[in-house]
Amino acid sequence: MKIKLIRTGGIIPITKAAEAEVEITAHELEGLLEKIQPDSPAGRIKDGNYYELTAGNSRTPVDLEKIPDEYKALFSKLKSDLKIISNKKGPV
C-alpha cells in the first residue's frame, strides 16, 4: 500500500510531501490512524506545521508526536524525505 505524508503551513506557507510503499493491512492502517489523530480539531495556529497522511482516497490529519514505536522509523524516513510540492508565497 502506498502512503503519503503531507506537511502544510509554517512561517513560509510551503506544502511538502513524501511517499512510501508499505506492507500494512487496511486494518493495521485504521488502527494506526486512530492512535495518531490530533487531540482536538481546533483551528490552525499561525505559522504552525500540520501533517496529513493519505492512503488511497483517504486523507487524515495526524499528530507526529503520537506515532507508536513500531512506526517511528517509517515516519522519520517520510519526514526526512519531504520535498516541496507547492509554494504559496505572494508577490515580493
C-alpha atoms as a PDB file:
ATOM      1  CA  MET A   1       0.000   0.000   0.000  1.00  0.00           C
ATOM      2  CA  LYS A   2       1.287   3.463  -0.849  1.00  0.00           C
ATOM      3  CA  ILE A   3       1.044   6.174   1.811  1.00  0.00           C
ATOM      4  CA  LYS A   4       1.911   9.854   1.588  1.00  0.00           C
ATOM      5  CA  LEU A   5       2.809  12.269   4.371  1.00  0.00           C
ATOM      6  CA  ILE A   6       1.899  15.874   3.608  1.00  0.00           C
ATOM      7  CA  ARG A   7       3.127  18.861   5.600  1.00  0.00           C
ATOM      8  CA  THR A   8       1.448  22.249   5.251  1.00  0.00           C
ATOM      9  CA  GLY A   9       1.844  25.582   6.997  1.00  0.00           C
ATOM     10  CA  GLY A  10       4.910  27.115   8.546  1.00  0.00           C
ATOM     11  CA  ILE A  11       6.270  30.652   8.591  1.00  0.00           C
ATOM     12  CA  ILE A  12       6.573  30.497   4.814  1.00  0.00           C
ATOM     13  CA  PRO A  13       3.487  28.570   3.618  1.00  0.00           C
ATOM     14  CA  ILE A  14       5.057  25.675   1.746  1.00  0.00           C
ATOM     15  CA  THR A  15       3.449  22.291   1.132  1.00  0.00           C
ATOM     16  CA  LYS A  16       5.797  19.314   1.233  1.00  0.00           C
ATOM     17  CA  ALA A  17       5.091  15.630   0.652  1.00  0.00           C
ATOM     18  CA  ALA A  18       6.817  12.247   0.733  1.00  0.00           C
ATOM     19  CA  GLU A  19       5.541   8.808  -0.301  1.00  0.00           C
ATOM     20  CA  ALA A  20       6.419   5.286   0.734  1.00  0.00           C
ATOM     21  CA  GLU A  21       5.280   1.820  -0.220  1.00  0.00           C
ATOM     22  CA  VAL A  22       4.472  -0.058   2.990  1.00  0.00           C
ATOM     23  CA  GLU A  23       3.385  -3.563   3.860  1.00  0.00           C
ATOM     24  CA  ILE A  24       0.450  -2.795   6.112  1.00  0.00           C
ATOM     25  CA  THR A  25      -3.086  -4.104   6.026  1.00  0.00           C
ATOM     26  CA  ALA A  26      -6.102  -1.820   5.854  1.00  0.00           C
ATOM     27  CA  HIS A  27      -6.987  -2.955   9.393  1.00  0.00           C
ATOM     28  CA  GLU A  28      -3.495  -2.052  10.697  1.00  0.00           C
ATOM     29  CA  LEU A  29      -3.681   1.323   8.946  1.00  0.00           C
ATOM     30  CA  GLU A  30      -7.065   2.045  10.504  1.00  0.00           C
ATOM     31  CA  GLY A  31      -5.672   1.259  13.973  1.00  0.00           C
ATOM     32  CA  LEU A  32      -2.618   3.443  13.364  1.00  0.00           C
ATOM     33  CA  LEU A  33      -4.730   6.374  12.195  1.00  0.00           C
ATOM     34  CA  GLU A  34      -6.883   6.136  15.321  1.00  0.00           C
ATOM     35  CA  LYS A  35      -3.772   6.321  17.527  1.00  0.00           C
ATOM     36  CA  ILE A  36      -2.210   9.319  15.772  1.00  0.00           C
ATOM     37  CA  GLN A  37      -5.252  11.557  15.454  1.00  0.00           C
ATOM     38  CA  PRO A  38      -4.744  15.077  16.837  1.00  0.00           C
ATOM     39  CA  ASP A  39      -6.403  15.562  20.241  1.00  0.00           C
ATOM     40  CA  SER A  40      -8.520  18.431  19.045  1.00  0.00           C
ATOM     41  CA  PRO A  41      -9.688  19.638  15.661  1.00  0.00           C
ATOM     42  CA  ALA A  42      -9.034  23.199  16.878  1.00  0.00           C
ATOM     43  CA  GLY A  43      -8.201  25.928  14.413  1.00  0.00           C
ATOM     44  CA  ARG A  44      -4.799  26.245  12.879  1.00  0.00           C
ATOM     45  CA  ILE A  45      -2.108  28.115  14.786  1.00  0.00           C
ATOM     46  CA  LYS A  46      -0.428  30.895  12.838  1.00  0.00           C
ATOM     47  CA  ASP A  47       2.877  29.691  11.365  1.00  0.00           C
ATOM     48  CA  GLY A  48       2.305  26.132  12.679  1.00  0.00           C
ATOM     49  CA  ASN A  49       3.119  22.962  10.731  1.00  0.00           C
ATOM     50  CA  TYR A  50       0.321  20.481  10.062  1.00  0.00           C
ATOM     51  CA  TYR A  51       0.611  16.908   8.853  1.00  0.00           C
ATOM     52  CA  GLU A  52      -1.808  14.650   6.993  1.00  0.00           C
ATOM     53  CA  LEU A  53      -1.457  11.050   5.928  1.00  0.00           C
ATOM     54  CA  THR A  54      -3.041   9.841   2.723  1.00  0.00           C
ATOM     55  CA  ALA A  55      -3.690   6.247   1.780  1.00  0.00           C
ATOM     56  CA  GLY A  56      -5.821   5.600  -1.272  1.00  0.00           C
ATOM     57  CA  ASN A  57      -8.589   8.211  -1.267  1.00  0.00           C
ATOM     58  CA  SER A  58      -8.363   8.777   2.496  1.00  0.00           C
ATOM     59  CA  ARG A  59      -6.684  11.904   3.894  1.00  0.00           C
ATOM     60  CA  THR A  60      -6.349  12.084   7.692  1.00  0.00           C
ATOM     61  CA  PRO A  61      -4.753  14.745   9.941  1.00  0.00           C
ATOM     62  CA  VAL A  62      -2.049  13.250  12.163  1.00  0.00           C
ATOM     63  CA  ASP A  63      -0.041  14.184  15.254  1.00  0.00           C
ATOM     64  CA  LEU A  64       3.542  13.001  14.736  1.00  0.00           C
ATOM     65  CA  GLU A  65       4.146  13.091  18.500  1.00  0.00           C
ATOM     66  CA  LYS A  66       1.763  10.107  18.851  1.00  0.00           C
ATOM     67  CA  ILE A  67       3.497   7.722  16.440  1.00  0.00           C
ATOM     68  CA  PRO A  68       3.827   4.248  18.045  1.00  0.00           C
ATOM     69  CA  ASP A  69       7.375   2.885  18.359  1.00  0.00           C
ATOM     70  CA  GLU A  70       6.906   0.279  15.622  1.00  0.00           C
ATOM     71  CA  TYR A  71       6.180   3.056  13.058  1.00  0.00           C
ATOM     72  CA  LYS A  72       8.727   5.683  14.201  1.00  0.00           C
ATOM     73  CA  ALA A  73      11.368   4.654  11.646  1.00  0.00           C
ATOM     74  CA  LEU A  74       8.831   4.844   8.807  1.00  0.00           C
ATOM     75  CA  PHE A  75       7.596   8.298   9.802  1.00  0.00           C
ATOM     76  CA  SER A  76      11.133   9.532  10.449  1.00  0.00           C
ATOM     77  CA  LYS A  77      12.060   8.499   6.893  1.00  0.00           C
ATOM     78  CA  LEU A  78       8.920  10.093   5.450  1.00  0.00           C
ATOM     79  CA  LYS A  79       9.614  13.321   7.331  1.00  0.00           C
ATOM     80  CA  SER A  80      13.243  13.428   6.158  1.00  0.00           C
ATOM     81  CA  ASP A  81      12.136  12.735   2.552  1.00  0.00           C
ATOM     82  CA  LEU A  82       9.636  15.634   2.417  1.00  0.00           C
ATOM     83  CA  LYS A  83      10.001  17.631  -0.805  1.00  0.00           C
ATOM     84  CA  ILE A  84       8.316  20.901  -1.779  1.00  0.00           C
ATOM     85  CA  ILE A  85       5.241  20.380  -3.944  1.00  0.00           C
ATOM     86  CA  SER A  86       3.639  23.834  -3.543  1.00  0.00           C
ATOM     87  CA  ASN A  87       4.824  27.262  -2.505  1.00  0.00           C
ATOM     88  CA  LYS A  88       2.055  29.764  -1.845  1.00  0.00           C
ATOM     89  CA  LYS A  89       4.264  32.812  -1.360  1.00  0.00           C
ATOM     90  CA  GLY A  90       2.729  36.015  -2.582  1.00  0.00           C
ATOM     91  CA  PRO A  91       4.409  38.614  -4.807  1.00  0.00           C
ATOM     92  CA  VAL A  92       7.629  40.078  -3.491  1.00  0.00           C
END
